[in-house]
N, C-alpha and C. Protein backbone atom coordinates (compact mmCIF):
# COMPACT_ATOMS: atom_id res chain seq x y z
N UNK A 1 0.76 -12.56 -25.57
CA UNK A 1 1.98 -12.34 -25.25
C UNK A 1 1.95 -11.09 -24.53
N UNK A 2 2.82 -11.14 -23.31
CA UNK A 2 2.95 -9.86 -22.43
C UNK A 2 2.16 -9.73 -21.56
N UNK A 3 0.91 -10.81 -21.47
CA UNK A 3 0.06 -10.73 -20.41
C UNK A 3 0.55 -11.66 -19.35
N UNK A 4 0.20 -11.38 -18.04
CA UNK A 4 0.68 -12.04 -16.75
C UNK A 4 -0.34 -13.21 -16.88
N UNK A 5 0.18 -14.51 -16.13
CA UNK A 5 -0.90 -15.57 -16.09
C UNK A 5 -2.13 -14.87 -15.25
N UNK A 6 -3.36 -15.43 -15.84
CA UNK A 6 -4.51 -15.01 -14.83
C UNK A 6 -5.17 -13.85 -15.57
N UNK A 7 -4.59 -12.95 -16.41
CA UNK A 7 -5.08 -11.65 -16.95
C UNK A 7 -5.98 -12.46 -18.45
N UNK A 8 -7.12 -12.32 -18.21
CA UNK A 8 -7.90 -12.87 -19.45
C UNK A 8 -8.29 -11.45 -20.26
N UNK A 9 -8.34 -11.66 -21.38
CA UNK A 9 -9.06 -10.60 -22.26
C UNK A 9 -8.57 -9.04 -22.09
N UNK A 10 -7.29 -9.11 -21.63
CA UNK A 10 -6.67 -7.89 -21.47
C UNK A 10 -5.96 -7.09 -22.61
N UNK A 11 -6.38 -6.09 -23.17
CA UNK A 11 -5.55 -5.83 -24.34
C UNK A 11 -4.26 -4.91 -23.93
N UNK A 12 -3.93 -4.80 -22.83
CA UNK A 12 -2.71 -3.94 -22.51
C UNK A 12 -1.60 -5.03 -22.68
N UNK A 13 -0.60 -4.43 -23.27
CA UNK A 13 0.57 -5.05 -23.80
C UNK A 13 1.82 -4.78 -22.47
N UNK A 14 2.59 -5.62 -21.93
CA UNK A 14 3.52 -5.29 -21.40
C UNK A 14 4.91 -4.94 -22.15
N UNK A 15 5.15 -3.45 -22.03
CA UNK A 15 6.20 -3.15 -23.01
C UNK A 15 7.50 -3.47 -22.25
N UNK A 16 7.61 -3.68 -20.95
CA UNK A 16 8.84 -4.03 -20.31
C UNK A 16 8.86 -5.42 -19.49
N UNK A 17 8.65 -6.38 -20.44
CA UNK A 17 8.43 -7.83 -19.82
C UNK A 17 9.35 -8.46 -18.82
N UNK A 18 10.58 -7.90 -19.15
CA UNK A 18 11.74 -8.38 -18.30
C UNK A 18 11.88 -7.84 -16.99
N UNK A 19 11.40 -6.77 -16.81
CA UNK A 19 11.60 -6.05 -15.55
C UNK A 19 10.12 -6.31 -14.53
N UNK A 20 10.45 -7.00 -13.46
CA UNK A 20 9.39 -7.32 -12.57
C UNK A 20 8.41 -6.08 -12.48
N UNK A 21 7.08 -6.25 -12.22
CA UNK A 21 6.20 -5.25 -12.02
C UNK A 21 6.49 -4.29 -10.72
N UNK A 22 6.87 -5.24 -9.79
CA UNK A 22 7.21 -4.45 -8.46
C UNK A 22 8.08 -3.58 -8.67
N UNK A 23 9.34 -3.84 -9.20
CA UNK A 23 10.45 -3.10 -9.64
C UNK A 23 10.06 -1.63 -10.25
N UNK A 24 9.44 -1.78 -11.39
CA UNK A 24 8.70 -0.76 -12.11
C UNK A 24 7.75 0.15 -11.28
N UNK A 25 7.00 -0.33 -10.59
CA UNK A 25 6.24 0.22 -9.63
C UNK A 25 6.94 1.21 -8.68
N UNK A 26 8.10 0.68 -8.21
CA UNK A 26 9.09 1.21 -7.09
C UNK A 26 9.81 2.26 -7.73
N UNK A 27 10.33 1.83 -8.99
CA UNK A 27 10.98 2.84 -9.96
C UNK A 27 10.11 4.23 -10.26
N UNK A 28 8.73 3.90 -10.61
CA UNK A 28 7.94 5.04 -10.75
C UNK A 28 7.71 6.10 -9.39
N UNK A 29 7.52 5.12 -8.30
CA UNK A 29 7.44 5.78 -6.98
C UNK A 29 8.88 6.69 -6.58
N UNK A 30 9.86 6.16 -6.71
CA UNK A 30 10.85 6.86 -6.64
C UNK A 30 11.31 8.35 -7.26
N UNK A 31 10.66 8.13 -8.65
CA UNK A 31 10.63 9.41 -9.39
C UNK A 31 9.59 10.44 -8.77
N UNK A 32 8.45 9.96 -8.68
CA UNK A 32 7.40 10.75 -8.28
C UNK A 32 7.55 11.26 -6.79
N UNK A 33 8.20 10.36 -5.61
CA UNK A 33 8.21 10.89 -4.40
C UNK A 33 9.02 10.07 -3.61
N UNK A 34 10.48 10.51 -3.82
CA UNK A 34 11.49 9.95 -3.24
C UNK A 34 11.27 9.52 -1.69
N UNK A 35 10.90 10.44 -1.00
CA UNK A 35 10.64 10.06 0.55
C UNK A 35 9.44 8.81 0.75
N UNK A 36 8.45 8.84 -0.04
CA UNK A 36 7.86 7.55 -0.15
C UNK A 36 8.21 6.38 -0.43
N UNK A 37 9.14 6.48 -1.37
CA UNK A 37 10.02 5.50 -2.08
C UNK A 37 10.92 4.97 -0.87
N UNK A 38 11.68 5.60 -0.34
CA UNK A 38 12.59 4.99 0.73
C UNK A 38 11.63 4.55 1.78
N UNK A 39 10.42 4.95 2.13
CA UNK A 39 9.70 4.47 3.30
C UNK A 39 9.08 3.03 2.81
N UNK A 40 8.73 3.06 1.59
CA UNK A 40 8.28 1.64 1.14
C UNK A 40 9.26 0.63 1.13
N UNK A 41 10.34 1.05 0.60
CA UNK A 41 11.49 0.12 0.99
C UNK A 41 11.94 -0.37 2.19
N UNK A 42 11.76 0.44 3.32
CA UNK A 42 11.96 0.35 4.56
C UNK A 42 10.96 -0.86 5.11
N UNK A 43 9.57 -0.46 4.75
CA UNK A 43 8.54 -1.42 5.01
C UNK A 43 8.61 -2.82 4.39
N UNK A 44 9.04 -3.00 3.12
CA UNK A 44 9.27 -4.05 2.42
C UNK A 44 10.41 -4.78 3.34
N UNK A 45 11.42 -4.45 3.98
CA UNK A 45 12.34 -4.93 4.44
C UNK A 45 11.84 -5.39 5.79
N UNK A 46 10.95 -4.51 6.54
CA UNK A 46 10.37 -5.26 7.66
C UNK A 46 9.57 -6.47 7.29
N UNK A 47 8.76 -6.50 6.38
CA UNK A 47 7.91 -7.44 6.03
C UNK A 47 8.86 -8.77 5.57
N UNK A 48 9.67 -8.55 5.08
CA UNK A 48 10.58 -9.75 4.70
C UNK A 48 11.45 -10.13 5.85
N UNK A 49 11.73 -9.33 7.00
CA UNK A 49 12.31 -9.84 8.19
C UNK A 49 11.31 -10.80 8.86
N UNK A 50 10.12 -10.58 8.87
CA UNK A 50 9.13 -11.47 9.25
C UNK A 50 9.05 -12.62 8.39
N UNK A 51 8.84 -12.36 7.15
CA UNK A 51 8.40 -13.60 6.22
C UNK A 51 9.50 -13.58 5.08
N UNK A 52 10.51 -13.96 5.34
CA UNK A 52 11.65 -14.14 4.20
C UNK A 52 11.30 -14.85 2.83
N UNK A 53 10.27 -15.75 2.77
CA UNK A 53 9.93 -16.22 1.67
C UNK A 53 8.59 -15.69 1.15
N UNK A 54 8.17 -14.46 1.62
CA UNK A 54 6.93 -14.07 1.06
C UNK A 54 6.98 -13.49 -0.34
N UNK A 55 5.90 -13.76 -1.17
CA UNK A 55 5.73 -13.37 -2.53
C UNK A 55 5.14 -12.28 -2.51
N UNK A 56 5.75 -11.17 -3.51
CA UNK A 56 4.86 -10.21 -3.71
C UNK A 56 4.46 -9.76 -5.33
N UNK A 57 3.46 -9.16 -5.43
CA UNK A 57 2.77 -8.86 -6.74
C UNK A 57 2.12 -7.53 -6.80
N UNK A 58 2.19 -6.95 -7.77
CA UNK A 58 1.45 -5.58 -7.84
C UNK A 58 0.10 -5.86 -8.26
N UNK A 59 -0.76 -5.22 -7.50
CA UNK A 59 -2.10 -5.22 -7.29
C UNK A 59 -2.75 -4.21 -6.90
N UNK A 60 -3.85 -3.50 -7.58
CA UNK A 60 -4.55 -2.31 -7.06
C UNK A 60 -3.59 -1.06 -6.95
N UNK A 61 -2.70 -1.04 -7.55
CA UNK A 61 -1.63 0.25 -7.35
C UNK A 61 -0.94 0.25 -6.32
N UNK A 62 -0.70 -1.05 -5.41
CA UNK A 62 0.39 -1.04 -4.54
C UNK A 62 1.11 -2.60 -4.53
N UNK A 63 1.72 -3.00 -3.47
CA UNK A 63 2.22 -4.32 -3.63
C UNK A 63 1.67 -5.08 -2.59
N UNK A 64 1.08 -6.43 -3.05
CA UNK A 64 0.37 -7.47 -2.10
C UNK A 64 1.49 -8.26 -1.74
N UNK A 65 1.60 -8.80 -0.43
CA UNK A 65 2.41 -9.74 -0.01
C UNK A 65 1.64 -11.19 0.52
N UNK A 66 2.04 -12.03 0.14
CA UNK A 66 1.60 -13.40 0.53
C UNK A 66 2.57 -14.32 1.23
N UNK A 67 2.11 -14.89 2.00
CA UNK A 67 3.12 -16.03 2.95
C UNK A 67 2.60 -16.85 3.70
N UNK A 68 2.26 -17.97 3.32
CA UNK A 68 1.82 -18.32 1.80
C UNK A 68 0.93 -17.51 1.18
N UNK A 69 -0.44 -17.34 2.11
CA UNK A 69 -1.51 -16.88 1.67
C UNK A 69 -1.48 -15.23 1.80
N UNK A 70 -1.99 -14.19 1.16
CA UNK A 70 -2.12 -12.87 1.00
C UNK A 70 -2.49 -12.52 2.64
N UNK A 71 -1.26 -11.89 2.97
CA UNK A 71 -1.29 -11.06 4.49
C UNK A 71 -1.46 -9.66 4.37
N UNK A 72 -0.94 -8.98 3.51
CA UNK A 72 -1.08 -7.60 3.63
C UNK A 72 -0.68 -6.95 2.37
N UNK A 73 -0.84 -5.60 2.28
CA UNK A 73 -0.48 -4.80 0.98
C UNK A 73 -0.06 -3.55 1.40
N UNK A 74 1.01 -3.03 0.52
CA UNK A 74 1.54 -1.71 0.73
C UNK A 74 1.40 -0.90 -0.29
N UNK A 75 0.64 0.52 0.08
CA UNK A 75 0.35 1.50 -0.71
C UNK A 75 0.73 2.87 -0.44
N UNK A 76 1.46 3.51 -1.36
CA UNK A 76 2.23 4.68 -1.21
C UNK A 76 1.05 5.87 -1.53
N UNK A 77 0.78 6.91 -0.65
CA UNK A 77 0.19 8.01 -0.94
C UNK A 77 0.88 9.20 -0.68
N UNK A 78 0.29 10.34 -1.11
CA UNK A 78 1.19 11.47 -1.04
C UNK A 78 1.86 11.92 0.41
N UNK A 79 1.19 11.87 1.44
CA UNK A 79 1.42 12.06 2.56
C UNK A 79 1.86 10.75 3.61
N UNK A 80 1.69 9.62 3.17
CA UNK A 80 1.91 8.51 4.26
C UNK A 80 2.00 7.21 3.36
N UNK A 81 2.32 6.04 3.77
CA UNK A 81 2.06 4.93 3.11
C UNK A 81 1.19 3.93 4.15
N UNK A 82 0.60 3.39 3.41
CA UNK A 82 -0.58 2.44 4.47
C UNK A 82 -0.25 0.87 4.13
N UNK A 83 -0.30 0.20 5.13
CA UNK A 83 0.01 -1.26 5.10
C UNK A 83 -1.47 -1.69 5.41
N UNK A 84 -2.18 -2.37 4.42
CA UNK A 84 -3.41 -2.91 4.69
C UNK A 84 -3.34 -4.35 4.80
N UNK A 85 -4.33 -4.77 5.71
CA UNK A 85 -4.55 -6.13 6.11
C UNK A 85 -6.11 -6.52 5.78
N UNK A 86 -6.29 -7.45 4.72
CA UNK A 86 -7.34 -7.73 4.19
C UNK A 86 -8.29 -8.22 5.38
N UNK A 87 -7.88 -9.22 6.32
CA UNK A 87 -8.54 -9.81 7.51
C UNK A 87 -8.01 -9.00 8.77
N UNK A 88 -7.98 -7.68 8.56
CA UNK A 88 -7.40 -6.68 9.64
C UNK A 88 -8.36 -6.62 10.95
N UNK A 89 -9.97 -6.87 10.62
CA UNK A 89 -10.53 -6.81 11.60
C UNK A 89 -10.47 -8.12 12.66
N UNK A 90 -9.87 -9.18 12.16
CA UNK A 90 -9.65 -10.55 12.99
C UNK A 90 -8.35 -10.11 13.86
N UNK A 91 -7.42 -9.11 13.70
CA UNK A 91 -6.20 -9.16 14.26
C UNK A 91 -6.42 -8.48 15.46
N UNK A 92 -5.68 -9.05 16.61
CA UNK A 92 -5.48 -8.09 17.94
C UNK A 92 -4.90 -7.11 17.77
N UNK A 93 -5.64 -6.13 18.39
CA UNK A 93 -4.57 -4.68 18.34
C UNK A 93 -4.47 -4.06 19.53
N UNK A 94 -3.40 -4.83 20.46
CA UNK A 94 -3.42 -4.17 21.89
C UNK A 94 -2.87 -3.08 21.84
N UNK A 95 -2.06 -2.38 20.63
CA UNK A 95 -1.55 -1.12 20.81
C UNK A 95 -2.25 -0.15 20.00
N UNK A 96 -3.50 -0.49 19.80
CA UNK A 96 -4.35 0.70 18.85
C UNK A 96 -4.10 1.41 17.73
N UNK A 97 -3.23 0.69 16.97
CA UNK A 97 -2.68 1.25 15.83
C UNK A 97 -3.48 1.08 14.56
N UNK A 98 -4.30 -0.13 14.45
CA UNK A 98 -5.10 -0.30 13.23
C UNK A 98 -6.27 0.79 13.07
N UNK A 99 -6.16 1.20 11.77
CA UNK A 99 -7.29 1.99 11.54
C UNK A 99 -8.35 1.42 10.62
N UNK A 100 -9.55 2.13 10.47
CA UNK A 100 -10.46 1.78 9.55
C UNK A 100 -11.60 1.18 10.20
N UNK A 101 -12.76 1.25 9.47
CA UNK A 101 -14.00 0.67 10.13
C UNK A 101 -14.79 -0.26 9.22
N UNK A 102 -13.91 -0.58 7.93
CA UNK A 102 -14.70 -1.37 7.25
C UNK A 102 -15.14 -3.07 7.47
N UNK A 103 -15.75 -3.75 6.94
CA UNK A 103 -16.07 -5.11 7.22
C UNK A 103 -15.18 -5.98 7.71
N UNK A 104 -13.85 -5.99 6.84
CA UNK A 104 -12.90 -7.01 7.19
C UNK A 104 -11.42 -6.04 7.22
N UNK A 105 -11.27 -5.11 6.35
CA UNK A 105 -9.90 -4.73 6.21
C UNK A 105 -9.64 -3.46 7.39
N UNK A 106 -8.42 -3.54 7.68
CA UNK A 106 -7.83 -2.40 8.62
C UNK A 106 -6.51 -2.16 8.26
N UNK A 107 -5.94 -0.89 8.59
CA UNK A 107 -4.73 -0.48 7.94
C UNK A 107 -3.76 0.11 9.16
N UNK A 108 -2.68 0.14 8.73
CA UNK A 108 -1.83 1.01 9.46
C UNK A 108 -1.11 2.36 8.67
N UNK A 109 -1.05 3.37 9.13
CA UNK A 109 -0.40 4.53 8.33
C UNK A 109 0.84 5.01 8.75
N UNK A 110 1.69 4.72 7.98
CA UNK A 110 3.30 5.11 8.48
C UNK A 110 3.43 6.42 7.73
N UNK A 111 4.16 7.33 8.49
CA UNK A 111 4.59 8.62 7.85
C UNK A 111 6.12 8.78 7.80
N UNK A 112 6.90 7.83 8.41
CA UNK A 112 8.29 8.07 8.41
C UNK A 112 8.82 6.50 8.86
N UNK A 113 10.20 6.49 8.68
CA UNK A 113 10.56 5.11 9.03
C UNK A 113 10.44 4.87 10.39
N UNK A 114 10.70 5.65 11.38
CA UNK A 114 10.47 5.42 12.74
C UNK A 114 8.99 5.06 13.12
N UNK A 115 8.14 5.08 12.61
CA UNK A 115 6.68 4.49 12.58
C UNK A 115 6.71 3.17 12.45
N UNK A 116 7.62 2.54 11.71
CA UNK A 116 7.87 1.30 11.38
C UNK A 116 7.69 0.32 13.03
N UNK A 117 8.73 0.84 13.62
CA UNK A 117 9.10 0.25 14.98
C UNK A 117 7.87 0.97 16.02
N UNK A 118 7.68 2.17 15.99
CA UNK A 118 6.83 2.66 16.85
C UNK A 118 5.29 2.21 16.70
N UNK A 119 5.02 1.84 15.64
CA UNK A 119 3.79 1.19 15.60
C UNK A 119 3.75 -0.07 15.45
N UNK A 120 4.53 -0.73 15.64
CA UNK A 120 5.13 -2.43 15.84
C UNK A 120 4.61 -3.28 14.59
N UNK A 121 4.83 -2.44 13.38
CA UNK A 121 4.52 -3.39 12.12
C UNK A 121 4.84 -4.53 12.18
N UNK A 122 6.08 -5.08 12.41
CA UNK A 122 6.22 -6.51 12.57
C UNK A 122 5.26 -7.39 13.21
N UNK A 123 5.02 -6.82 14.45
CA UNK A 123 3.99 -7.98 15.15
C UNK A 123 2.54 -7.96 14.35
N UNK A 124 2.26 -7.01 13.86
CA UNK A 124 0.94 -6.99 12.99
C UNK A 124 1.23 -7.82 11.82
N UNK A 125 2.00 -7.82 11.01
CA UNK A 125 2.37 -8.86 9.90
C UNK A 125 2.52 -9.88 10.56
N UNK A 126 3.33 -10.26 11.50
CA UNK A 126 3.21 -11.66 11.94
C UNK A 126 1.89 -12.21 12.10
N UNK A 127 1.05 -11.40 12.98
CA UNK A 127 -0.43 -11.83 13.28
C UNK A 127 -1.18 -12.12 12.21
N UNK A 128 -0.87 -11.22 11.02
CA UNK A 128 -1.72 -11.56 9.95
C UNK A 128 -1.33 -12.75 9.16
N UNK A 129 -0.05 -13.12 9.29
CA UNK A 129 0.47 -14.37 8.60
C UNK A 129 -0.09 -15.68 9.40
N UNK A 130 -0.15 -15.44 10.71
CA UNK A 130 -0.67 -16.41 11.56
C UNK A 130 -2.15 -16.86 11.37
N UNK A 131 -2.85 -15.95 10.85
CA UNK A 131 -4.30 -15.98 10.73
C UNK A 131 -4.53 -17.13 9.57
N UNK A 132 -5.18 -18.29 10.11
CA UNK A 132 -5.81 -19.24 9.10
C UNK A 132 -6.23 -19.01 7.84
N UNK A 133 -5.94 -19.47 6.90
CA UNK A 133 -6.80 -19.15 5.60
C UNK A 133 -8.20 -19.19 5.65
N UNK A 134 -9.08 -18.08 5.11
CA UNK A 134 -10.37 -18.11 5.18
C UNK A 134 -11.00 -19.58 4.60
N UNK A 135 -12.12 -20.00 5.23
CA UNK A 135 -12.71 -21.14 4.67
C UNK A 135 -13.53 -20.83 3.35
C-alpha cells in the first residue's frame, strides 16, 4: 500500500497518497525557489499547448511528459530550468539552442519566461513528439 504501480520492493511509504506527486514536487519547488516554480509552470503550460493530452509523472527529480511516448522532462535547478529530450540528438536544431554532447540526450536551458518563446521551446517539443518510438 502507498506504492505506485511498477514500484517493486520499495520500502518507502507515500504519506500523502491523495496528492499527485507532480503537485507535491511543484509545491516543494514553490517553497524552495518561487522564481523557478513560476518558470516551471510556464514551461508546463507551453508543453500542454503543444500536447494537451500529455501525461506527466515525477521521475529523476523532475517531471517527465509523454504524448503518448516519453518526449521530454522538465528539471529545475538553482539558476535555470532544463527541458531534457531523451532522443534530442535526433532533433533538428536549426536555431542552435540544444545543448549537450551525450550519446542521445540534449537539453534547452531556460532562465526566464521569455526564453520559452526566444528559444522556440514549442517547436522542439513538437519535434520530439513527432519522433517515431524507438524500435
